[in-house]
Amino acid sequence: MTTDVTNLLIALREGTMNIEQVAQQFRQRAWPRTRRPEPQTYLELASAAEQDPDPEIPGSFEEVASAYRRGELSRAEYRILAEAAADSFRTEDQRRAEEESSGSK
């Protein structure tokens, strides 16, 4: 399955987009959240230890991490893209916090 993240990484590799163009796309897109909530009790911790790892979600940042592990991205490229994705997450978190605070007034 080809996702927009895969297509952006291909464009970077092929040279049809540069790292800043891909990073800008990463900043502007909505990223699916892939982490489960942290266990809060010993029972939850024990249960989490027995669970299989989460499957890779298409279009998630895991695609970028996988490309880096395969050697398709340099460390510098990975860092730029990770920071761009983090900017997107922070913007989304801020927007949600503002919506929640305006909704509770």
PDB file of N, CA and C in Angstrom:
ATOM      1  N   MET A   1       0.848  -1.177   0.000  1.00  0.00           N
ATOM      2  CA  MET A   1       0.000   0.000   0.000  1.00  0.00           C
ATOM      3  C   MET A   1       0.895   1.243   0.000  1.00  0.00           C
ATOM      4  N   THR A   2       0.687   2.099  -0.946  1.00  0.00           N
ATOM      5  CA  THR A   2       1.457   3.328  -1.039  1.00  0.00           C
ATOM      6  C   THR A   2       0.672   4.457  -0.373  1.00  0.00           C
ATOM      7  N   THR A   3       1.345   5.152   0.539  1.00  0.00           N
ATOM      8  CA  THR A   3       0.709   6.267   1.236  1.00  0.00           C
ATOM      9  C   THR A   3       1.366   7.565   0.793  1.00  0.00           C
ATOM     10  N   ASP A   4       0.799   8.682   1.241  1.00  0.00           N
ATOM     11  CA  ASP A   4       1.408   9.968   0.913  1.00  0.00           C
ATOM     12  C   ASP A   4       2.806  10.087   1.516  1.00  0.00           C
ATOM     13  N   VAL A   5       3.027   9.474   2.676  1.00  0.00           N
ATOM     14  CA  VAL A   5       4.359   9.498   3.291  1.00  0.00           C
ATOM     15  C   VAL A   5       5.341   8.737   2.405  1.00  0.00           C
ATOM     16  N   THR A   6       4.941   7.562   1.948  1.00  0.00           N
ATOM     17  CA  THR A   6       5.782   6.775   1.048  1.00  0.00           C
ATOM     18  C   THR A   6       6.100   7.574  -0.208  1.00  0.00           C
ATOM     19  N   ASN A   7       5.089   8.213  -0.778  1.00  0.00           N
ATOM     20  CA  ASN A   7       5.295   8.998  -1.997  1.00  0.00           C
ATOM     21  C   ASN A   7       6.258  10.163  -1.763  1.00  0.00           C
ATOM     22  N   LEU A   8       6.161  10.816  -0.605  1.00  0.00           N
ATOM     23  CA  LEU A   8       7.084  11.907  -0.294  1.00  0.00           C
ATOM     24  C   LEU A   8       8.514  11.399  -0.147  1.00  0.00           C
ATOM     25  N   LEU A   9       8.673  10.252   0.497  1.00  0.00           N
ATOM     26  CA  LEU A   9      10.013   9.680   0.657  1.00  0.00           C
ATOM     27  C   LEU A   9      10.595   9.258  -0.690  1.00  0.00           C
ATOM     28  N   ILE A  10       9.746   8.739  -1.574  1.00  0.00           N
ATOM     29  CA  ILE A  10      10.199   8.379  -2.923  1.00  0.00           C
ATOM     30  C   ILE A  10      10.624   9.635  -3.673  1.00  0.00           C
ATOM     31  N   ALA A  11       9.830  10.695  -3.580  1.00  0.00           N
ATOM     32  CA  ALA A  11      10.165  11.951  -4.255  1.00  0.00           C
ATOM     33  C   ALA A  11      11.496  12.502  -3.741  1.00  0.00           C
ATOM     34  N   LEU A  12      11.735  12.378  -2.451  1.00  0.00           N
ATOM     35  CA  LEU A  12      13.007  12.820  -1.885  1.00  0.00           C
ATOM     36  C   LEU A  12      14.155  11.991  -2.446  1.00  0.00           C
ATOM     37  N   ARG A  13      13.975  10.686  -2.450  1.00  0.00           N
ATOM     38  CA  ARG A  13      15.010   9.778  -2.946  1.00  0.00           C
ATOM     39  C   ARG A  13      15.306  10.006  -4.427  1.00  0.00           C
ATOM     40  N   GLU A  14      14.259  10.265  -5.205  1.00  0.00           N
ATOM     41  CA  GLU A  14      14.419  10.457  -6.646  1.00  0.00           C
ATOM     42  C   GLU A  14      14.867  11.868  -7.011  1.00  0.00           C
ATOM     43  N   GLY A  15      14.833  12.770  -6.030  1.00  0.00           N
ATOM     44  CA  GLY A  15      15.272  14.133  -6.281  1.00  0.00           C
ATOM     45  C   GLY A  15      14.226  15.051  -6.870  1.00  0.00           C
ATOM     46  N   THR A  16      12.972  14.611  -6.932  1.00  0.00           N
ATOM     47  CA  THR A  16      11.916  15.477  -7.458  1.00  0.00           C
ATOM     48  C   THR A  16      11.438  16.467  -6.396  1.00  0.00           C
ATOM     49  N   MET A  17      11.774  16.208  -5.133  1.00  0.00           N
ATOM     50  CA  MET A  17      11.537  17.141  -4.028  1.00  0.00           C
ATOM     51  C   MET A  17      12.814  17.177  -3.201  1.00  0.00           C
ATOM     52  N   ASN A  18      13.083  18.357  -2.602  1.00  0.00           N
ATOM     53  CA  ASN A  18      14.230  18.419  -1.703  1.00  0.00           C
ATOM     54  C   ASN A  18      13.763  18.216  -0.258  1.00  0.00           C
ATOM     55  N   ILE A  19      14.711  18.127   0.649  1.00  0.00           N
ATOM     56  CA  ILE A  19      14.380  17.810   2.048  1.00  0.00           C
ATOM     57  C   ILE A  19      13.473  18.881   2.667  1.00  0.00           C
ATOM     58  N   GLU A  20      13.677  20.145   2.325  1.00  0.00           N
ATOM     59  CA  GLU A  20      12.836  21.203   2.900  1.00  0.00           C
ATOM     60  C   GLU A  20      11.398  21.122   2.389  1.00  0.00           C
ATOM     61  N   GLN A  21      11.223  20.745   1.136  1.00  0.00           N
ATOM     62  CA  GLN A  21       9.870  20.589   0.602  1.00  0.00           C
ATOM     63  C   GLN A  21       9.145  19.435   1.290  1.00  0.00           C
ATOM     64  N   VAL A  22       9.845  18.334   1.488  1.00  0.00           N
ATOM     65  CA  VAL A  22       9.235  17.192   2.172  1.00  0.00           C
ATOM     66  C   VAL A  22       8.945  17.561   3.627  1.00  0.00           C
ATOM     67  N   ALA A  23       9.892  18.241   4.281  1.00  0.00           N
ATOM     68  CA  ALA A  23       9.685  18.652   5.674  1.00  0.00           C
ATOM     69  C   ALA A  23       8.465  19.564   5.793  1.00  0.00           C
ATOM     70  N   GLN A  24       8.287  20.473   4.845  1.00  0.00           N
ATOM     71  CA  GLN A  24       7.124  21.362   4.883  1.00  0.00           C
ATOM     72  C   GLN A  24       5.827  20.557   4.764  1.00  0.00           C
ATOM     73  N   GLN A  25       5.815  19.559   3.918  1.00  0.00           N
ATOM     74  CA  GLN A  25       4.637  18.684   3.805  1.00  0.00           C
ATOM     75  C   GLN A  25       4.393  17.939   5.112  1.00  0.00           C
ATOM     76  N   PHE A  26       5.471  17.514   5.768  1.00  0.00           N
ATOM     77  CA  PHE A  26       5.349  16.815   7.052  1.00  0.00           C
ATOM     78  C   PHE A  26       4.754  17.741   8.112  1.00  0.00           C
ATOM     79  N   ARG A  27       5.138  19.014   8.088  1.00  0.00           N
ATOM     80  CA  ARG A  27       4.610  19.977   9.067  1.00  0.00           C
ATOM     81  C   ARG A  27       3.121  20.226   8.855  1.00  0.00           C
ATOM     82  N   GLN A  28       2.664  20.146   7.609  1.00  0.00           N
ATOM     83  CA  GLN A  28       1.290  20.502   7.282  1.00  0.00           C
ATOM     84  C   GLN A  28       0.303  19.344   7.373  1.00  0.00           C
ATOM     85  N   ARG A  29       0.791  18.128   7.447  1.00  0.00           N
ATOM     86  CA  ARG A  29      -0.128  16.989   7.435  1.00  0.00           C
ATOM     87  C   ARG A  29      -0.527  16.594   8.852  1.00  0.00           C
ATOM     88  N   ALA A  30      -1.624  15.896   8.958  1.00  0.00           N
ATOM     89  CA  ALA A  30      -2.062  15.327  10.234  1.00  0.00           C
ATOM     90  C   ALA A  30      -1.496  13.910  10.330  1.00  0.00           C
ATOM     91  N   TRP A  31      -0.824  13.616  11.419  1.00  0.00           N
ATOM     92  CA  TRP A  31      -0.211  12.306  11.624  1.00  0.00           C
ATOM     93  C   TRP A  31      -1.089  11.454  12.523  1.00  0.00           C
ATOM     94  N   PRO A  32      -1.312  10.198  12.154  1.00  0.00           N
ATOM     95  CA  PRO A  32      -2.078   9.322  13.053  1.00  0.00           C
ATOM     96  C   PRO A  32      -1.270   9.062  14.323  1.00  0.00           C
ATOM     97  N   ARG A  33      -1.957   8.999  15.437  1.00  0.00           N
ATOM     98  CA  ARG A  33      -1.303   8.705  16.712  1.00  0.00           C
ATOM     99  C   ARG A  33      -1.155   7.196  16.818  1.00  0.00           C
ATOM    100  N   THR A  34       0.032   6.745  17.181  1.00  0.00           N
ATOM    101  CA  THR A  34       0.294   5.309  17.182  1.00  0.00           C
ATOM    102  C   THR A  34       0.599   4.751  18.563  1.00  0.00           C
ATOM    103  N   ARG A  35       0.706   5.587  19.548  1.00  0.00           N
ATOM    104  CA  ARG A  35       1.044   5.085  20.881  1.00  0.00           C
ATOM    105  C   ARG A  35      -0.205   4.773  21.687  1.00  0.00           C
ATOM    106  N   ARG A  36      -0.119   3.661  22.397  1.00  0.00           N
ATOM    107  CA  ARG A  36      -1.174   3.328  23.347  1.00  0.00           C
ATOM    108  C   ARG A  36      -0.952   4.158  24.607  1.00  0.00           C
ATOM    109  N   PRO A  37      -1.999   4.330  25.402  1.00  0.00           N
ATOM    110  CA  PRO A  37      -1.803   5.038  26.675  1.00  0.00           C
ATOM    111  C   PRO A  37      -0.807   4.278  27.559  1.00  0.00           C
ATOM    112  N   GLU A  38      -0.011   5.017  28.313  1.00  0.00           N
ATOM    113  CA  GLU A  38       0.963   4.402  29.220  1.00  0.00           C
ATOM    114  C   GLU A  38       0.230   3.646  30.327  1.00  0.00           C
ATOM    115  N   PRO A  39       0.714   2.449  30.687  1.00  0.00           N
ATOM    116  CA  PRO A  39       0.101   1.708  31.804  1.00  0.00           C
ATOM    117  C   PRO A  39       0.206   2.510  33.101  1.00  0.00           C
ATOM    118  N   GLN A  40      -0.853   2.485  33.883  1.00  0.00           N
ATOM    119  CA  GLN A  40      -0.892   3.261  35.122  1.00  0.00           C
ATOM    120  C   GLN A  40      -0.781   2.387  36.369  1.00  0.00           C
ATOM    121  N   THR A  41      -1.056   1.094  36.238  1.00  0.00           N
ATOM    122  CA  THR A  41      -1.006   0.195  37.394  1.00  0.00           C
ATOM    123  C   THR A  41      -0.127  -1.001  37.053  1.00  0.00           C
ATOM    124  N   TYR A  42       0.197  -1.781  38.073  1.00  0.00           N
ATOM    125  CA  TYR A  42       0.989  -2.987  37.836  1.00  0.00           C
ATOM    126  C   TYR A  42       0.247  -3.980  36.951  1.00  0.00           C
ATOM    127  N   LEU A  43      -1.069  -4.085  37.131  1.00  0.00           N
ATOM    128  CA  LEU A  43      -1.856  -4.981  36.284  1.00  0.00           C
ATOM    129  C   LEU A  43      -1.815  -4.533  34.826  1.00  0.00           C
ATOM    130  N   GLU A  44      -1.955  -3.237  34.590  1.00  0.00           N
ATOM    131  CA  GLU A  44      -1.893  -2.719  33.222  1.00  0.00           C
ATOM    132  C   GLU A  44      -0.494  -2.935  32.630  1.00  0.00           C
ATOM    133  N   LEU A  45       0.534  -2.762  33.450  1.00  0.00           N
ATOM    134  CA  LEU A  45       1.907  -2.968  33.003  1.00  0.00           C
ATOM    135  C   LEU A  45       2.136  -4.427  32.617  1.00  0.00           C
ATOM    136  N   ALA A  46       1.638  -5.341  33.442  1.00  0.00           N
ATOM    137  CA  ALA A  46       1.775  -6.772  33.153  1.00  0.00           C
ATOM    138  C   ALA A  46       1.016  -7.141  31.883  1.00  0.00           C
ATOM    139  N   SER A  47      -0.166  -6.590  31.726  1.00  0.00           N
ATOM    140  CA  SER A  47      -0.961  -6.862  30.535  1.00  0.00           C
ATOM    141  C   SER A  47      -0.263  -6.321  29.290  1.00  0.00           C
ATOM    142  N   ALA A  48       0.305  -5.117  29.385  1.00  0.00           N
ATOM    143  CA  ALA A  48       0.992  -4.507  28.243  1.00  0.00           C
ATOM    144  C   ALA A  48       2.213  -5.317  27.834  1.00  0.00           C
ATOM    145  N   ALA A  49       2.889  -5.914  28.805  1.00  0.00           N
ATOM    146  CA  ALA A  49       4.091  -6.704  28.504  1.00  0.00           C
ATOM    147  C   ALA A  49       3.755  -7.951  27.692  1.00  0.00           C
ATOM    148  N   GLU A  50       2.534  -8.443  27.807  1.00  0.00           N
ATOM    149  CA  GLU A  50       2.126  -9.646  27.099  1.00  0.00           C
ATOM    150  C   GLU A  50       1.512  -9.365  25.734  1.00  0.00           C
ATOM    151  N   GLN A  51       1.271  -8.092  25.421  1.00  0.00           N
ATOM    152  CA  GLN A  51       0.631  -7.754  24.149  1.00  0.00           C
ATOM    153  C   GLN A  51       1.655  -7.700  23.020  1.00  0.00           C
ATOM    154  N   ASP A  52       1.184  -8.020  21.830  1.00  0.00           N
ATOM    155  CA  ASP A  52       2.021  -7.886  20.646  1.00  0.00           C
ATOM    156  C   ASP A  52       2.267  -6.406  20.390  1.00  0.00           C
ATOM    157  N   PRO A  53       3.370  -6.079  19.733  1.00  0.00           N
ATOM    158  CA  PRO A  53       3.589  -4.676  19.380  1.00  0.00           C
ATOM    159  C   PRO A  53       2.486  -4.194  18.447  1.00  0.00           C
ATOM    160  N   ASP A  54       2.252  -2.902  18.481  1.00  0.00           N
ATOM    161  CA  ASP A  54       1.244  -2.331  17.592  1.00  0.00           C
ATOM    162  C   ASP A  54       1.659  -2.551  16.145  1.00  0.00           C
ATOM    163  N   PRO A  55       0.707  -2.843  15.279  1.00  0.00           N
ATOM    164  CA  PRO A  55       1.058  -2.969  13.854  1.00  0.00           C
ATOM    165  C   PRO A  55       1.397  -1.592  13.296  1.00  0.00           C
ATOM    166  N   GLU A  56       2.165  -1.592  12.227  1.00  0.00           N
ATOM    167  CA  GLU A  56       2.500  -0.317  11.592  1.00  0.00           C
ATOM    168  C   GLU A  56       1.236   0.260  10.973  1.00  0.00           C
ATOM    169  N   ILE A  57       0.977   1.511  11.262  1.00  0.00           N
ATOM    170  CA  ILE A  57      -0.199   2.194  10.732  1.00  0.00           C
ATOM    171  C   ILE A  57       0.216   2.911   9.453  1.00  0.00           C
ATOM    172  N   PRO A  58      -0.437   2.609   8.323  1.00  0.00           N
ATOM    173  CA  PRO A  58      -0.091   3.297   7.079  1.00  0.00           C
ATOM    174  C   PRO A  58      -0.209   4.812   7.245  1.00  0.00           C
ATOM    175  N   GLY A  59       0.771   5.528   6.738  1.00  0.00           N
ATOM    176  CA  GLY A  59       0.753   6.981   6.815  1.00  0.00           C
ATOM    177  C   GLY A  59       1.277   7.532   8.126  1.00  0.00           C
ATOM    178  N   SER A  60       1.768   6.659   9.004  1.00  0.00           N
ATOM    179  CA  SER A  60       2.308   7.126  10.277  1.00  0.00           C
ATOM    180  C   SER A  60       3.798   7.418  10.148  1.00  0.00           C
ATOM    181  N   PHE A  61       4.353   8.040  11.175  1.00  0.00           N
ATOM    182  CA  PHE A  61       5.780   8.357  11.151  1.00  0.00           C
ATOM    183  C   PHE A  61       6.621   7.090  11.159  1.00  0.00           C
ATOM    184  N   GLU A  62       6.036   5.968  11.533  1.00  0.00           N
ATOM    185  CA  GLU A  62       6.775   4.700  11.520  1.00  0.00           C
ATOM    186  C   GLU A  62       7.317   4.396  10.120  1.00  0.00           C
ATOM    187  N   GLU A  63       6.632   4.856   9.083  1.00  0.00           N
ATOM    188  CA  GLU A  63       7.144   4.670   7.717  1.00  0.00           C
ATOM    189  C   GLU A  63       8.491   5.367   7.540  1.00  0.00           C
ATOM    190  N   VAL A  64       8.628   6.546   8.127  1.00  0.00           N
ATOM    191  CA  VAL A  64       9.877   7.295   8.039  1.00  0.00           C
ATOM    192  C   VAL A  64      10.965   6.571   8.830  1.00  0.00           C
ATOM    193  N   ALA A  65      10.617   6.122  10.037  1.00  0.00           N
ATOM    194  CA  ALA A  65      11.584   5.396  10.863  1.00  0.00           C
ATOM    195  C   ALA A  65      12.040   4.114  10.165  1.00  0.00           C
ATOM    196  N   SER A  66      11.116   3.436   9.519  1.00  0.00           N
ATOM    197  CA  SER A  66      11.466   2.213   8.786  1.00  0.00           C
ATOM    198  C   SER A  66      12.401   2.526   7.624  1.00  0.00           C
ATOM    199  N   ALA A  67      12.130   3.607   6.905  1.00  0.00           N
ATOM    200  CA  ALA A  67      13.000   4.008   5.792  1.00  0.00           C
ATOM    201  C   ALA A  67      14.404   4.330   6.301  1.00  0.00           C
ATOM    202  N   TYR A  68      14.480   4.978   7.448  1.00  0.00           N
ATOM    203  CA  TYR A  68      15.792   5.288   8.038  1.00  0.00           C
ATOM    204  C   TYR A  68      16.535   3.998   8.402  1.00  0.00           C
ATOM    205  N   ARG A  69      15.821   3.062   9.034  1.00  0.00           N
ATOM    206  CA  ARG A  69      16.451   1.786   9.413  1.00  0.00           C
ATOM    207  C   ARG A  69      16.918   0.995   8.195  1.00  0.00           C
ATOM    208  N   ARG A  70      16.225   1.153   7.062  1.00  0.00           N
ATOM    209  CA  ARG A  70      16.629   0.474   5.820  1.00  0.00           C
ATOM    210  C   ARG A  70      17.771   1.193   5.112  1.00  0.00           C
ATOM    211  N   GLY A  71      18.184   2.346   5.630  1.00  0.00           N
ATOM    212  CA  GLY A  71      19.268   3.098   5.017  1.00  0.00           C
ATOM    213  C   GLY A  71      18.834   3.997   3.878  1.00  0.00           C
ATOM    214  N   GLU A  72      17.529   4.249   3.762  1.00  0.00           N
ATOM    215  CA  GLU A  72      17.010   5.081   2.680  1.00  0.00           C
ATOM    216  C   GLU A  72      17.062   6.567   3.005  1.00  0.00           C
ATOM    217  N   LEU A  73      17.333   6.895   4.267  1.00  0.00           N
ATOM    218  CA  LEU A  73      17.462   8.279   4.713  1.00  0.00           C
ATOM    219  C   LEU A  73      18.754   8.413   5.498  1.00  0.00           C
ATOM    220  N   SER A  74      19.409   9.544   5.344  1.00  0.00           N
ATOM    221  CA  SER A  74      20.588   9.813   6.169  1.00  0.00           C
ATOM    222  C   SER A  74      20.127  10.226   7.565  1.00  0.00           C
ATOM    223  N   ARG A  75      21.052  10.256   8.494  1.00  0.00           N
ATOM    224  CA  ARG A  75      20.717  10.692   9.852  1.00  0.00           C
ATOM    225  C   ARG A  75      20.218  12.137   9.825  1.00  0.00           C
ATOM    226  N   ALA A  76      20.880  12.995   9.040  1.00  0.00           N
ATOM    227  CA  ALA A  76      20.476  14.398   8.951  1.00  0.00           C
ATOM    228  C   ALA A  76      19.066  14.529   8.370  1.00  0.00           C
ATOM    229  N   GLU A  77      18.767  13.777   7.324  1.00  0.00           N
ATOM    230  CA  GLU A  77      17.425  13.806   6.734  1.00  0.00           C
ATOM    231  C   GLU A  77      16.382  13.330   7.740  1.00  0.00           C
ATOM    232  N   TYR A  78      16.706  12.243   8.442  1.00  0.00           N
ATOM    233  CA  TYR A  78      15.772  11.715   9.439  1.00  0.00           C
ATOM    234  C   TYR A  78      15.487  12.758  10.514  1.00  0.00           C
ATOM    235  N   ARG A  79      16.521  13.426  10.991  1.00  0.00           N
ATOM    236  CA  ARG A  79      16.336  14.441  12.043  1.00  0.00           C
ATOM    237  C   ARG A  79      15.459  15.589  11.557  1.00  0.00           C
ATOM    238  N   ILE A  80      15.685  16.048  10.340  1.00  0.00           N
ATOM    239  CA  ILE A  80      14.871  17.133   9.784  1.00  0.00           C
ATOM    240  C   ILE A  80      13.411  16.705   9.687  1.00  0.00           C
ATOM    241  N   LEU A  81      13.175  15.510   9.193  1.00  0.00           N
ATOM    242  CA  LEU A  81      11.799  15.025   9.033  1.00  0.00           C
ATOM    243  C   LEU A  81      11.146  14.741  10.377  1.00  0.00           C
ATOM    244  N   ALA A  82      11.916  14.243  11.334  1.00  0.00           N
ATOM    245  CA  ALA A  82      11.370  13.988  12.674  1.00  0.00           C
ATOM    246  C   ALA A  82      10.945  15.303  13.335  1.00  0.00           C
ATOM    247  N   GLU A  83      11.772  16.323  13.200  1.00  0.00           N
ATOM    248  CA  GLU A  83      11.421  17.624  13.777  1.00  0.00           C
ATOM    249  C   GLU A  83      10.200  18.219  13.087  1.00  0.00           C
ATOM    250  N   ALA A  84      10.100  18.052  11.784  1.00  0.00           N
ATOM    251  CA  ALA A  84       8.930  18.550  11.054  1.00  0.00           C
ATOM    252  C   ALA A  84       7.653  17.838  11.516  1.00  0.00           C
ATOM    253  N   ALA A  85       7.738  16.523  11.688  1.00  0.00           N
ATOM    254  CA  ALA A  85       6.575  15.773  12.182  1.00  0.00           C
ATOM    255  C   ALA A  85       6.238  16.191  13.608  1.00  0.00           C
ATOM    256  N   ALA A  86       7.269  16.416  14.434  1.00  0.00           N
ATOM    257  CA  ALA A  86       7.037  16.863  15.808  1.00  0.00           C
ATOM    258  C   ALA A  86       6.340  18.224  15.819  1.00  0.00           C
ATOM    259  N   ASP A  87       6.718  19.117  14.892  1.00  0.00           N
ATOM    260  CA  ASP A  87       6.036  20.407  14.778  1.00  0.00           C
ATOM    261  C   ASP A  87       4.549  20.196  14.501  1.00  0.00           C
ATOM    262  N   SER A  88       4.244  19.249  13.620  1.00  0.00           N
ATOM    263  CA  SER A  88       2.851  18.957  13.300  1.00  0.00           C
ATOM    264  C   SER A  88       2.101  18.439  14.529  1.00  0.00           C
ATOM    265  N   PHE A  89       2.739  17.518  15.281  1.00  0.00           N
ATOM    266  CA  PHE A  89       2.118  16.995  16.500  1.00  0.00           C
ATOM    267  C   PHE A  89       1.868  18.116  17.508  1.00  0.00           C
ATOM    268  N   ARG A  90       2.851  19.004  17.690  1.00  0.00           N
ATOM    269  CA  ARG A  90       2.691  20.108  18.648  1.00  0.00           C
ATOM    270  C   ARG A  90       1.557  21.033  18.226  1.00  0.00           C
ATOM    271  N   THR A  91       1.474  21.338  16.938  1.00  0.00           N
ATOM    272  CA  THR A  91       0.401  22.194  16.442  1.00  0.00           C
ATOM    273  C   THR A  91      -0.955  21.553  16.685  1.00  0.00           C
ATOM    274  N   GLU A  92      -1.050  20.252  16.409  1.00  0.00           N
ATOM    275  CA  GLU A  92      -2.309  19.525  16.636  1.00  0.00           C
ATOM    276  C   GLU A  92      -2.670  19.496  18.124  1.00  0.00           C
ATOM    277  N   ASP A  93      -1.687  19.241  18.977  1.00  0.00           N
ATOM    278  CA  ASP A  93      -1.935  19.218  20.423  1.00  0.00           C
ATOM    279  C   ASP A  93      -2.394  20.582  20.924  1.00  0.00           C
ATOM    280  N   GLN A  94      -1.765  21.639  20.426  1.00  0.00           N
ATOM    281  CA  GLN A  94      -2.142  22.987  20.825  1.00  0.00           C
ATOM    282  C   GLN A  94      -3.565  23.311  20.379  1.00  0.00           C
ATOM    283  N   ARG A  95      -3.894  22.915  19.141  1.00  0.00           N
ATOM    284  CA  ARG A  95      -5.246  23.157  18.636  1.00  0.00           C
ATOM    285  C   ARG A  95      -6.284  22.429  19.478  1.00  0.00           C
ATOM    286  N   ARG A  96      -5.982  21.170  19.816  1.00  0.00           N
ATOM    287  CA  ARG A  96      -6.923  20.400  20.649  1.00  0.00           C
ATOM    288  C   ARG A  96      -7.086  21.028  22.031  1.00  0.00           C
ATOM    289  N   ALA A  97      -5.970  21.476  22.621  1.00  0.00           N
ATOM    290  CA  ALA A  97      -6.030  22.096  23.942  1.00  0.00           C
ATOM    291  C   ALA A  97      -6.860  23.374  23.901  1.00  0.00           C
ATOM    292  N   GLU A  98      -6.705  24.156  22.845  1.00  0.00           N
ATOM    293  CA  GLU A  98      -7.481  25.392  22.704  1.00  0.00           C
ATOM    294  C   GLU A  98      -8.947  25.085  22.530  1.00  0.00           C
ATOM    295  N   GLU A  99      -9.267  24.044  21.756  1.00  0.00           N
ATOM    296  CA  GLU A  99     -10.669  23.662  21.565  1.00  0.00           C
ATOM    297  C   GLU A  99     -11.282  23.199  22.876  1.00  0.00           C
ATOM    298  N   GLU A 100     -10.526  22.404  23.645  1.00  0.00           N
ATOM    299  CA  GLU A 100     -11.036  21.921  24.924  1.00  0.00           C
ATOM    300  C   GLU A 100     -11.240  23.052  25.915  1.00  0.00           C
ATOM    301  N   SER A 101     -10.314  24.005  25.949  1.00  0.00           N
ATOM    302  CA  SER A 101     -10.457  25.108  26.903  1.00  0.00           C
ATOM    303  C   SER A 101     -11.584  26.060  26.509  1.00  0.00           C
ATOM    304  N   SER A 102     -11.792  26.249  25.209  1.00  0.00           N
ATOM    305  CA  SER A 102     -12.898  27.121  24.784  1.00  0.00           C
ATOM    306  C   SER A 102     -14.238  26.418  24.941  1.00  0.00           C
ATOM    307  N   GLY A 103     -14.253  25.118  24.862  1.00  0.00           N
ATOM    308  CA  GLY A 103     -15.488  24.361  25.030  1.00  0.00           C
ATOM    309  C   GLY A 103     -15.909  24.219  26.474  1.00  0.00           C
ATOM    310  N   SER A 104     -14.971  24.382  27.413  1.00  0.00           N
ATOM    311  CA  SER A 104     -15.307  24.211  28.831  1.00  0.00           C
ATOM    312  C   SER A 104     -15.708  25.505  29.499  1.00  0.00           C
ATOM    313  N   LYS A 105     -15.703  26.620  28.740  1.00  0.00           N
ATOM    314  CA  LYS A 105     -16.062  27.913  29.338  1.00  0.00           C
ATOM    315  C   LYS A 105     -17.529  28.177  29.257  1.00  0.00           C
TER     316      LYS A 105
END
